Amino acid sequence: MQIRAVIFAIGLMVALLGVAMLPSALLDIADGSDQWPIFLVSSAISILIGAGLAVLSGGAPPSTTTREAFLLTVLIWIVLPVIATIPFISYGQSFTDALFEAVSGLTTTGATVMTGLDSTPRGILLWRAILQWIGGIGIIVTAIAILPMLRVGGMQLFQIESSDMSGKVLPRITEITAQTGIVYVIISAACALTYAASGMTPFDAIAHSMTTMSAGGYSTHDTSFGYFADTPAAYAATFFMFVAGLPFSLLTLMILHGRWRPMFTDPQPRLYVSLAVGFAVLIVIWHEAVVDPPIFNHIFHGFREALFNIISIMTGTGYASAPYDTWGEPAVVVFLIATFLGGCAGSAACGIKMFRLEISFKAVLAYAAQIVRPNRVVRIRYAGRTVPSDTLQSVMVFVFLYMATFIVAAILLSMTGEDLLTSISGAATSVSNVGPGLGPVIGPSGTFQPLSDAGKWICLTAMLLGRLEFVAVFTLLTARFWRG
């Protein structure tokens, strides 16, 4: 294994993260805030660490194999959050709180331990948004270029590398990163301009565009998107959150190559739309039929509120326009289910993902058919193709690890003294990288600050496992991986 390739890549990413701290320093200087040295010094430390690692590695090798890609994928999501804690610690947070905020930011979970955001210096608010924006593009590139090659969680279904690239992944990843990055910047800019036209200040528009397109959900206000709930920005957010949950490979084909048809023929977007609209309609119908007086002013208002929050939870953005955990127990159940579902593969969204849901459902039907007729051969098909047995196995392993991690995290949280709703929703929202949980503690109106340090470590570990799609981490923990 070429460890120096991994060290070089990590050093480069750490140095770039240091450069990303500079806009926050400049903003604090422009605002006359005395917090600007925090980011200037943090930037210098990060750049020096990154440059030092790159120099020690001896430079980048000509190629990187699958094993190095596995190791790099996991380490980059561990090292970068640790470096990203430097500004938060300098701002006065404990290491646990700083790491929680950094991990939540880079994994685009959006759970926060910070309060008083409306009076917080804009530099630190911008840093939170930048972390999520960086994490968003990292997640998309990982999902499109790396996880299919590593055959993680059934993602090989979307593998686009040719067979002769299996041992040389860097050239292909560079090409994919460039095209995806262009599309990511274009849509983020469109989102920021739309927010500005909807009445947001330029700072709010830029910060929220970053956390919308990354499906992150960090806001510049304590009331999250409830601050803009009665403005046209809420409609814009619903649209762009939905876009963030679409496959970026298909968005790239649409925007850069003018090919629209794949977006409408791919099964993922269809299921994604159906579930989001279906859940919103269910909530509205229940409230109109059962709740007296209804929580919503009228049906259109109810559908708008329900759709905004359902898409926010499904994509893992985590914005809250209203305290939806007070809409009644049936609504709470719907939102808890939506927490697990996620968006499409190859998007900024989190969760199980649409293609795994469809394949798992078809696998259950196929198994049921074989019980009735044991000699019958049932083929599982997805997008017009037969699903190979190794892909089906990968999907099943992913779903098992997903649910096992959720159960273990929920049990551990309950052992720290948290109530049942907080434990279950906290584990679900962390594993799914959603952000807010349910209930008065970590619900849409609360934060994760009241959790014990042990509880925060449980949640941030679950965030990392969820973002790394579980299998990559557990593969590194096997002795066979290191024996080669």
Protein backbone atom coordinates (compact mmCIF):
# COMPACT_ATOMS: atom_id res chain seq x y z
CA MET A 1 0.00 0.00 0.00
CA GLN A 2 1.33 3.43 -0.98
CA ILE A 3 0.75 5.29 2.28
CA ARG A 4 2.54 8.37 0.95
CA ALA A 5 -0.24 8.81 -1.62
CA VAL A 6 -2.77 8.97 1.22
CA ILE A 7 -0.62 11.38 3.25
CA PHE A 8 -0.11 13.67 0.25
CA ALA A 9 -3.85 13.84 -0.50
CA ILE A 10 -4.69 14.52 3.14
CA GLY A 11 -2.04 17.24 3.33
CA LEU A 12 -3.44 18.91 0.22
CA MET A 13 -6.99 18.84 1.59
CA VAL A 14 -5.89 20.21 4.98
CA ALA A 15 -4.06 23.10 3.26
CA LEU A 16 -7.14 23.88 1.13
CA LEU A 17 -9.30 23.83 4.26
CA GLY A 18 -6.94 26.44 5.74
CA VAL A 19 -7.40 28.63 2.66
CA ALA A 20 -11.18 28.27 3.09
CA MET A 21 -10.90 29.97 6.50
CA LEU A 22 -9.68 33.25 4.99
CA PRO A 23 -13.11 34.58 3.81
CA SER A 24 -14.31 34.45 7.43
CA ALA A 25 -11.30 36.50 8.54
CA LEU A 26 -11.97 39.07 5.82
CA LEU A 27 -15.66 39.27 6.76
CA ASP A 28 -14.83 39.85 10.44
CA ILE A 29 -12.36 42.58 9.43
CA ALA A 30 -15.03 44.23 7.27
CA ASP A 31 -17.52 44.04 10.16
CA GLY A 32 -15.02 45.54 12.60
CA SER A 33 -15.17 42.38 14.72
CA ASP A 34 -12.19 41.60 16.93
CA GLN A 35 -12.60 37.89 16.11
CA TRP A 36 -10.70 38.09 12.80
CA PRO A 37 -7.34 36.88 14.27
CA ILE A 38 -9.05 33.58 15.10
CA PHE A 39 -9.44 32.72 11.43
CA LEU A 40 -6.15 34.22 10.31
CA VAL A 41 -4.15 32.19 12.84
CA SER A 42 -6.29 29.08 12.27
CA SER A 43 -5.73 29.41 8.53
CA ALA A 44 -1.97 29.70 8.95
CA ILE A 45 -1.85 26.65 11.25
CA SER A 46 -3.93 24.55 8.84
CA ILE A 47 -1.90 25.54 5.77
CA LEU A 48 1.37 24.77 7.58
CA ILE A 49 0.11 21.36 8.73
CA GLY A 50 -1.16 20.54 5.24
CA ALA A 51 2.01 21.70 3.51
CA GLY A 52 4.12 19.77 6.01
CA LEU A 53 2.21 16.54 5.33
CA ALA A 54 2.50 17.03 1.56
CA VAL A 55 6.26 17.61 1.80
CA LEU A 56 6.81 14.65 4.12
CA SER A 57 4.93 12.37 1.71
CA GLY A 58 7.45 13.11 -1.03
CA GLY A 59 4.82 14.18 -3.56
CA ALA A 60 1.90 12.49 -5.29
CA PRO A 61 2.50 9.06 -6.92
CA PRO A 62 1.32 8.56 -10.52
CA SER A 63 -1.60 6.31 -9.54
CA THR A 64 -3.71 5.25 -6.60
CA THR A 65 -5.26 1.81 -6.14
CA THR A 66 -8.52 0.75 -4.56
CA ARG A 67 -6.96 0.04 -1.17
CA GLU A 68 -5.48 3.55 -0.92
CA ALA A 69 -8.83 4.99 -2.01
CA PHE A 70 -10.56 3.07 0.80
CA LEU A 71 -8.12 4.38 3.40
CA LEU A 72 -8.17 7.94 2.05
CA THR A 73 -11.97 8.05 1.93
CA VAL A 74 -12.21 7.23 5.63
CA LEU A 75 -9.25 9.27 6.88
CA ILE A 76 -10.19 12.44 5.04
CA TRP A 77 -13.55 12.55 6.85
CA ILE A 78 -11.78 12.09 10.20
CA VAL A 79 -8.80 14.42 9.75
CA LEU A 80 -10.61 17.40 8.21
CA PRO A 81 -13.15 17.77 11.06
CA VAL A 82 -10.29 17.76 13.58
CA ILE A 83 -8.56 20.60 11.69
CA ALA A 84 -11.90 22.40 11.30
CA THR A 85 -12.27 22.55 15.10
CA ILE A 86 -9.44 25.11 15.41
CA PRO A 87 -11.64 28.22 14.83
CA PHE A 88 -14.40 26.85 17.08
CA ILE A 89 -11.96 26.15 19.92
CA SER A 90 -10.44 29.62 19.49
CA TYR A 91 -13.98 31.00 19.62
CA GLY A 92 -14.32 29.50 23.12
CA GLN A 93 -15.92 26.09 22.62
CA SER A 94 -14.74 22.92 24.33
CA PHE A 95 -13.03 20.33 22.14
CA THR A 96 -16.11 18.08 22.26
CA ASP A 97 -18.46 20.88 21.20
CA ALA A 98 -16.01 22.12 18.55
CA LEU A 99 -15.58 18.63 17.08
CA PHE A 100 -19.34 18.03 17.16
CA GLU A 101 -19.95 21.28 15.24
CA ALA A 102 -17.17 20.52 12.74
CA VAL A 103 -18.26 16.91 12.13
CA SER A 104 -21.88 18.00 11.82
CA GLY A 105 -20.80 20.67 9.36
CA LEU A 106 -18.57 18.62 7.08
CA THR A 107 -20.92 15.63 7.06
CA THR A 108 -23.73 18.14 6.32
CA THR A 109 -25.74 16.80 9.24
CA GLY A 110 -26.66 20.26 10.51
CA ALA A 111 -27.12 19.34 14.17
CA THR A 112 -25.69 22.17 16.24
CA VAL A 113 -24.58 22.93 19.77
CA MET A 114 -24.46 26.68 19.13
CA THR A 115 -27.10 29.10 20.40
CA GLY A 116 -27.51 32.86 20.07
CA LEU A 117 -26.81 32.74 16.33
CA ASP A 118 -28.55 36.06 15.69
CA SER A 119 -25.88 37.85 17.75
CA THR A 120 -22.91 35.66 16.74
CA PRO A 121 -20.12 37.33 14.66
CA ARG A 122 -20.72 36.73 10.98
CA GLY A 123 -17.27 35.23 10.47
CA ILE A 124 -18.06 32.13 12.52
CA LEU A 125 -21.49 31.83 10.84
CA LEU A 126 -19.83 31.97 7.43
CA TRP A 127 -17.32 29.32 8.52
CA ARG A 128 -20.16 26.96 9.43
CA ALA A 129 -21.71 27.53 5.99
CA ILE A 130 -18.37 27.03 4.20
CA LEU A 131 -17.82 23.76 6.07
CA GLN A 132 -21.15 22.43 4.86
CA TRP A 133 -20.61 23.64 1.31
CA ILE A 134 -17.21 21.92 1.18
CA GLY A 135 -18.71 18.80 2.75
CA GLY A 136 -21.51 18.79 0.17
CA ILE A 137 -19.23 18.69 -2.87
CA GLY A 138 -17.04 16.13 -1.10
CA ILE A 139 -20.04 13.89 -0.49
CA ILE A 140 -21.23 14.17 -4.09
CA VAL A 141 -17.82 13.36 -5.56
CA THR A 142 -17.38 10.47 -3.12
CA ALA A 143 -20.77 9.05 -4.10
CA ILE A 144 -20.25 9.46 -7.85
CA ALA A 145 -16.56 8.59 -8.26
CA ILE A 146 -15.32 6.63 -5.26
CA LEU A 147 -18.07 4.54 -3.64
CA PRO A 148 -19.06 2.82 -6.93
CA MET A 149 -15.43 1.83 -7.46
CA LEU A 150 -15.18 0.55 -3.88
CA ARG A 151 -18.44 -1.38 -4.38
CA VAL A 152 -19.89 0.09 -1.18
CA GLY A 153 -23.57 -0.37 -0.38
CA GLY A 154 -24.61 -1.34 -3.90
CA MET A 155 -23.13 1.83 -5.40
CA GLN A 156 -21.38 -0.33 -8.05
CA LEU A 157 -24.72 -0.10 -9.82
CA PHE A 158 -23.66 3.43 -10.78
CA GLN A 159 -20.04 2.66 -11.66
CA ILE A 160 -18.96 4.70 -14.68
CA GLU A 161 -15.24 3.98 -14.78
CA SER A 162 -14.03 1.76 -17.60
CA SER A 163 -12.47 -1.56 -16.66
CA ASP A 164 -8.93 -0.38 -17.36
CA MET A 165 -9.30 2.34 -14.71
CA SER A 166 -9.75 -0.06 -11.77
CA GLY A 167 -6.17 0.42 -10.57
CA LYS A 168 -5.76 4.07 -11.57
CA VAL A 169 -8.60 6.09 -10.12
CA LEU A 170 -7.11 9.59 -9.86
CA PRO A 171 -7.50 10.68 -13.53
CA ARG A 172 -11.17 9.71 -13.61
CA ILE A 173 -11.89 11.26 -10.21
CA THR A 174 -10.26 14.52 -11.32
CA GLU A 175 -12.49 14.67 -14.40
CA ILE A 176 -15.65 13.88 -12.43
CA THR A 177 -14.73 16.38 -9.71
CA ALA A 178 -14.23 19.16 -12.25
CA GLN A 179 -17.60 18.68 -13.98
CA THR A 180 -19.51 18.11 -10.75
CA GLY A 181 -17.84 21.15 -9.16
CA ILE A 182 -18.90 23.39 -12.05
CA VAL A 183 -22.53 22.27 -11.74
CA TYR A 184 -22.40 22.61 -7.94
CA VAL A 185 -21.15 26.20 -8.21
CA ILE A 186 -23.71 27.11 -10.89
CA ILE A 187 -26.68 25.83 -8.87
CA SER A 188 -25.34 27.35 -5.63
CA ALA A 189 -25.02 30.74 -7.34
CA ALA A 190 -28.54 30.44 -8.72
CA CYS A 191 -29.79 29.58 -5.23
CA ALA A 192 -28.03 32.60 -3.69
CA LEU A 193 -29.44 34.97 -6.33
CA THR A 194 -32.93 33.55 -5.84
CA TYR A 195 -32.69 33.97 -2.08
CA ALA A 196 -31.49 37.57 -2.51
CA ALA A 197 -34.38 38.29 -4.86
CA SER A 198 -36.73 36.75 -2.26
CA GLY A 199 -35.78 39.37 0.34
CA MET A 200 -32.77 37.86 2.14
CA THR A 201 -29.77 40.04 2.90
CA PRO A 202 -26.73 39.27 0.70
CA PHE A 203 -25.01 37.53 3.64
CA ASP A 204 -28.04 35.40 4.51
CA ALA A 205 -28.54 34.55 0.84
CA ILE A 206 -24.95 33.36 0.37
CA ALA A 207 -24.78 31.47 3.67
CA HIS A 208 -28.12 29.75 3.14
CA SER A 209 -27.36 28.89 -0.49
CA MET A 210 -24.24 27.05 0.75
CA THR A 211 -26.16 25.11 3.38
CA THR A 212 -29.09 24.43 1.05
CA MET A 213 -27.15 22.97 -1.87
CA SER A 214 -25.02 20.88 0.46
CA ALA A 215 -28.20 19.58 2.16
CA GLY A 216 -26.58 20.79 5.37
CA GLY A 217 -29.10 23.04 7.08
CA TYR A 218 -26.92 25.33 9.19
CA SER A 219 -28.71 28.66 9.47
CA THR A 220 -27.64 32.14 10.54
CA HIS A 221 -30.67 32.43 12.83
CA ASP A 222 -31.77 30.55 15.94
CA THR A 223 -35.22 29.93 14.44
CA SER A 224 -33.62 28.30 11.37
CA PHE A 225 -35.69 28.85 8.22
CA GLY A 226 -38.64 29.82 10.40
CA TYR A 227 -37.04 33.29 10.25
CA PHE A 228 -38.03 33.38 6.55
CA ALA A 229 -41.14 31.19 6.77
CA ASP A 230 -43.55 33.86 5.52
CA THR A 231 -41.35 35.07 2.65
CA PRO A 232 -40.88 33.81 -0.93
CA ALA A 233 -37.53 32.40 0.24
CA ALA A 234 -39.41 29.41 1.69
CA TYR A 235 -40.60 28.45 -1.82
CA ALA A 236 -37.08 28.87 -3.19
CA ALA A 237 -35.67 26.71 -0.39
CA THR A 238 -38.17 23.93 -1.10
CA PHE A 239 -37.10 23.86 -4.76
CA PHE A 240 -33.35 23.98 -4.17
CA MET A 241 -33.45 21.44 -1.32
CA PHE A 242 -35.26 19.14 -3.72
CA VAL A 243 -32.57 19.75 -6.37
CA ALA A 244 -29.84 18.95 -3.82
CA GLY A 245 -31.42 15.51 -3.38
CA LEU A 246 -31.27 14.69 -7.12
CA PRO A 247 -28.39 12.70 -8.71
CA PHE A 248 -25.68 15.20 -9.64
CA SER A 249 -24.53 12.98 -12.49
CA LEU A 250 -27.93 13.56 -14.10
CA LEU A 251 -27.84 17.27 -13.23
CA THR A 252 -24.44 17.44 -14.93
CA LEU A 253 -25.88 15.83 -18.06
CA MET A 254 -28.72 18.36 -18.03
CA ILE A 255 -26.73 21.53 -17.37
CA LEU A 256 -23.43 20.89 -19.15
CA HIS A 257 -24.52 18.54 -21.93
CA GLY A 258 -28.18 19.43 -22.52
CA ARG A 259 -29.40 15.88 -21.97
CA TRP A 260 -32.69 16.07 -20.07
CA ARG A 261 -34.16 12.64 -20.81
CA PRO A 262 -32.12 10.60 -18.26
CA MET A 263 -33.53 12.69 -15.39
CA PHE A 264 -37.07 11.71 -16.34
CA THR A 265 -36.38 8.05 -17.13
CA ASP A 266 -34.26 7.26 -14.06
CA PRO A 267 -36.37 5.50 -11.37
CA GLN A 268 -34.76 7.37 -8.45
CA PRO A 269 -36.21 10.86 -9.07
CA ARG A 270 -39.68 9.37 -9.65
CA LEU A 271 -39.68 7.54 -6.31
CA TYR A 272 -38.14 10.59 -4.62
CA VAL A 273 -40.95 12.89 -5.84
CA SER A 274 -43.65 10.33 -5.04
CA LEU A 275 -42.55 9.84 -1.44
CA ALA A 276 -42.06 13.55 -0.72
CA VAL A 277 -45.44 14.58 -2.14
CA GLY A 278 -47.17 11.52 -0.66
CA PHE A 279 -45.91 12.21 2.87
CA ALA A 280 -46.90 15.89 2.63
CA VAL A 281 -50.40 14.98 1.43
CA LEU A 282 -50.78 12.43 4.25
CA ILE A 283 -49.93 15.03 6.89
CA VAL A 284 -52.33 17.60 5.42
CA ILE A 285 -55.20 15.11 5.04
CA TRP A 286 -54.77 13.91 8.62
CA HIS A 287 -54.83 17.44 10.00
CA GLU A 288 -57.77 18.53 7.90
CA ALA A 289 -59.78 15.41 8.74
CA VAL A 290 -58.87 14.80 12.39
CA VAL A 291 -57.35 17.80 14.14
CA ASP A 292 -59.85 20.35 15.43
CA PRO A 293 -59.10 23.16 14.95
CA PRO A 294 -56.65 22.37 12.12
CA ILE A 295 -53.06 23.48 12.70
CA PHE A 296 -52.84 25.02 9.21
CA ASN A 297 -54.73 28.12 8.06
CA HIS A 298 -55.82 26.44 4.83
CA ILE A 299 -54.94 23.39 2.72
CA PHE A 300 -52.42 25.21 0.51
CA HIS A 301 -50.61 26.60 3.57
CA GLY A 302 -50.55 23.13 5.13
CA PHE A 303 -49.20 21.49 1.99
CA ARG A 304 -46.49 24.14 1.63
CA GLU A 305 -45.38 23.74 5.25
CA ALA A 306 -45.53 19.95 5.13
CA LEU A 307 -43.67 19.70 1.80
CA PHE A 308 -40.93 22.10 2.94
CA ASN A 309 -40.23 20.16 6.11
CA ILE A 310 -40.59 16.69 4.54
CA ILE A 311 -38.11 17.53 1.77
CA SER A 312 -35.83 19.11 4.37
CA ILE A 313 -35.83 15.90 6.43
CA MET A 314 -35.66 13.47 3.49
CA THR A 315 -32.66 15.23 1.95
CA GLY A 316 -31.04 15.68 5.35
CA THR A 317 -30.96 19.45 4.99
CA GLY A 318 -32.56 19.87 8.38
CA TYR A 319 -34.10 23.33 7.98
CA ALA A 320 -37.24 23.79 10.05
CA SER A 321 -39.88 26.31 9.09
CA ALA A 322 -42.17 25.27 11.96
CA PRO A 323 -42.09 23.06 15.09
CA TYR A 324 -43.38 20.01 13.19
CA ASP A 325 -42.87 17.78 16.23
CA THR A 326 -45.94 19.49 17.70
CA TRP A 327 -48.19 18.52 14.77
CA GLY A 328 -49.35 15.33 16.48
CA GLU A 329 -48.08 11.77 16.85
CA PRO A 330 -48.97 10.64 13.29
CA ALA A 331 -46.91 13.52 11.88
CA VAL A 332 -44.02 12.66 14.19
CA VAL A 333 -44.08 9.06 12.90
CA VAL A 334 -44.06 10.30 9.28
CA PHE A 335 -41.08 12.57 9.96
CA LEU A 336 -39.23 9.77 11.75
CA ILE A 337 -39.73 7.50 8.73
CA ALA A 338 -38.62 10.30 6.38
CA THR A 339 -35.43 10.65 8.43
CA PHE A 340 -34.28 7.23 7.24
CA LEU A 341 -35.25 7.46 3.57
CA GLY A 342 -32.83 10.03 2.15
CA GLY A 343 -32.58 11.33 -1.41
CA CYS A 344 -31.07 9.88 -4.58
CA ALA A 345 -27.68 8.21 -4.89
CA GLY A 346 -25.02 10.62 -6.12
CA SER A 347 -26.68 13.62 -4.48
CA ALA A 348 -25.83 15.74 -1.47
CA ALA A 349 -28.63 14.00 0.43
CA CYS A 350 -28.21 11.36 3.08
CA GLY A 351 -30.12 8.34 4.34
CA ILE A 352 -30.70 4.91 2.84
CA LYS A 353 -31.24 6.36 -0.68
CA MET A 354 -34.00 5.74 -3.21
CA PHE A 355 -32.33 2.95 -5.22
CA ARG A 356 -31.69 0.86 -2.08
CA LEU A 357 -35.30 1.27 -1.00
CA GLU A 358 -36.57 0.04 -4.37
CA ILE A 359 -34.11 -2.86 -4.60
CA SER A 360 -34.84 -3.93 -1.00
CA PHE A 361 -38.59 -3.86 -1.65
CA LYS A 362 -38.20 -5.90 -4.83
CA ALA A 363 -35.94 -8.36 -2.98
CA VAL A 364 -38.66 -8.92 -0.36
CA LEU A 365 -41.24 -9.55 -3.11
CA ALA A 366 -38.87 -11.93 -4.88
CA TYR A 367 -38.24 -13.84 -1.67
CA ALA A 368 -41.98 -14.09 -1.03
CA ALA A 369 -42.54 -15.40 -4.56
CA GLN A 370 -39.88 -18.07 -4.10
CA ILE A 371 -41.46 -19.23 -0.84
CA VAL A 372 -44.72 -19.84 -2.70
CA ARG A 373 -42.95 -21.45 -5.70
CA PRO A 374 -39.53 -22.76 -4.58
CA ASN A 375 -38.49 -23.79 -8.12
CA ARG A 376 -39.28 -20.42 -9.64
CA VAL A 377 -36.34 -18.23 -10.66
CA VAL A 378 -37.13 -14.60 -9.82
CA ARG A 379 -34.84 -11.91 -11.20
CA ILE A 380 -34.67 -8.52 -9.51
CA ARG A 381 -34.51 -5.71 -12.05
CA TYR A 382 -33.63 -2.06 -11.55
CA ALA A 383 -33.74 0.61 -14.26
CA GLY A 384 -34.32 -2.10 -16.85
CA ARG A 385 -31.28 -4.15 -15.82
CA THR A 386 -31.01 -7.33 -13.78
CA VAL A 387 -29.42 -6.59 -10.40
CA PRO A 388 -26.29 -8.75 -9.98
CA SER A 389 -26.14 -10.91 -6.87
CA ASP A 390 -23.10 -9.04 -5.50
CA THR A 391 -24.94 -5.73 -5.82
CA LEU A 392 -27.99 -7.14 -4.04
CA GLN A 393 -25.72 -8.49 -1.29
CA SER A 394 -24.06 -5.06 -0.94
CA VAL A 395 -27.43 -3.37 -0.56
CA MET A 396 -28.59 -5.86 2.06
CA VAL A 397 -25.31 -5.50 4.01
CA PHE A 398 -25.65 -1.71 3.92
CA VAL A 399 -29.24 -1.76 5.19
CA PHE A 400 -28.26 -4.18 7.97
CA LEU A 401 -25.28 -2.05 9.08
CA TYR A 402 -27.45 1.07 8.85
CA MET A 403 -30.15 -0.28 11.12
CA ALA A 404 -27.66 -1.97 13.48
CA THR A 405 -25.74 1.29 13.92
CA PHE A 406 -29.00 3.15 14.57
CA ILE A 407 -30.10 0.64 17.21
CA VAL A 408 -26.72 0.63 18.98
CA ALA A 409 -26.56 4.45 18.94
CA ALA A 410 -30.10 4.72 20.34
CA ILE A 411 -29.29 2.28 23.15
CA LEU A 412 -26.07 4.10 24.01
CA LEU A 413 -27.86 7.47 24.05
CA SER A 414 -30.52 6.09 26.39
CA MET A 415 -27.73 4.87 28.70
CA THR A 416 -26.50 8.50 29.01
CA GLY A 417 -29.83 9.40 30.60
CA GLU A 418 -31.75 10.73 27.60
CA ASP A 419 -35.48 10.05 27.24
CA LEU A 420 -36.79 7.53 24.70
CA LEU A 421 -37.82 10.06 22.01
CA THR A 422 -34.52 11.94 22.25
CA SER A 423 -32.53 8.70 22.10
CA ILE A 424 -34.37 7.26 19.11
CA SER A 425 -34.60 10.47 17.09
CA GLY A 426 -31.06 11.53 18.05
CA ALA A 427 -29.66 8.23 16.79
CA ALA A 428 -31.81 8.36 13.64
CA THR A 429 -30.92 11.94 12.75
CA SER A 430 -27.21 11.35 13.37
CA VAL A 431 -26.93 8.12 11.40
CA SER A 432 -28.99 9.68 8.59
CA ASN A 433 -27.10 13.02 8.72
CA VAL A 434 -30.36 14.96 8.96
CA GLY A 435 -29.81 17.46 11.80
CA PRO A 436 -32.74 18.17 14.10
CA GLY A 437 -34.33 15.34 16.01
CA LEU A 438 -37.71 15.21 17.71
CA GLY A 439 -38.92 16.38 21.09
CA PRO A 440 -38.20 19.40 23.28
CA VAL A 441 -34.44 18.77 23.64
CA ILE A 442 -33.09 18.19 20.12
CA GLY A 443 -36.25 18.91 18.12
CA PRO A 444 -36.56 21.61 15.45
CA SER A 445 -36.83 24.25 18.18
CA GLY A 446 -33.87 22.94 20.22
CA THR A 447 -30.17 22.14 19.85
CA PHE A 448 -27.82 19.29 20.83
CA GLN A 449 -26.14 21.48 23.46
CA PRO A 450 -28.04 19.91 26.42
CA LEU A 451 -26.65 16.44 25.61
CA SER A 452 -23.83 15.15 27.76
CA ASP A 453 -20.34 14.96 26.27
CA ALA A 454 -20.79 11.20 25.98
CA GLY A 455 -24.04 11.73 24.07
CA LYS A 456 -22.34 14.17 21.70
CA TRP A 457 -19.53 11.69 20.99
CA ILE A 458 -22.09 8.98 20.25
CA CYS A 459 -23.90 11.28 17.83
CA LEU A 460 -20.80 12.55 16.02
CA THR A 461 -19.50 8.99 15.62
CA ALA A 462 -22.85 7.99 14.12
CA MET A 463 -22.65 11.00 11.79
CA LEU A 464 -19.28 9.87 10.45
CA LEU A 465 -20.42 6.26 10.03
CA GLY A 466 -23.54 7.38 8.20
CA ARG A 467 -21.69 9.72 5.89
CA LEU A 468 -19.05 7.10 5.07
CA GLU A 469 -21.82 4.60 4.22
CA PHE A 470 -20.75 2.23 7.04
CA VAL A 471 -19.17 -0.45 4.85
CA ALA A 472 -16.04 1.61 4.11
CA VAL A 473 -15.32 2.03 7.82
CA PHE A 474 -15.98 -1.57 8.78
CA THR A 475 -13.82 -2.77 5.89
CA LEU A 476 -10.88 -0.84 7.32
CA LEU A 477 -11.40 -2.55 10.67
CA THR A 478 -10.82 -6.01 9.19
CA ALA A 479 -7.39 -7.63 9.41
CA ARG A 480 -7.69 -8.82 5.80
CA PHE A 481 -7.65 -5.25 4.50
CA TRP A 482 -4.29 -4.53 6.11
CA ARG A 483 -2.80 -7.87 5.07
CA GLY A 484 -3.58 -6.98 1.47
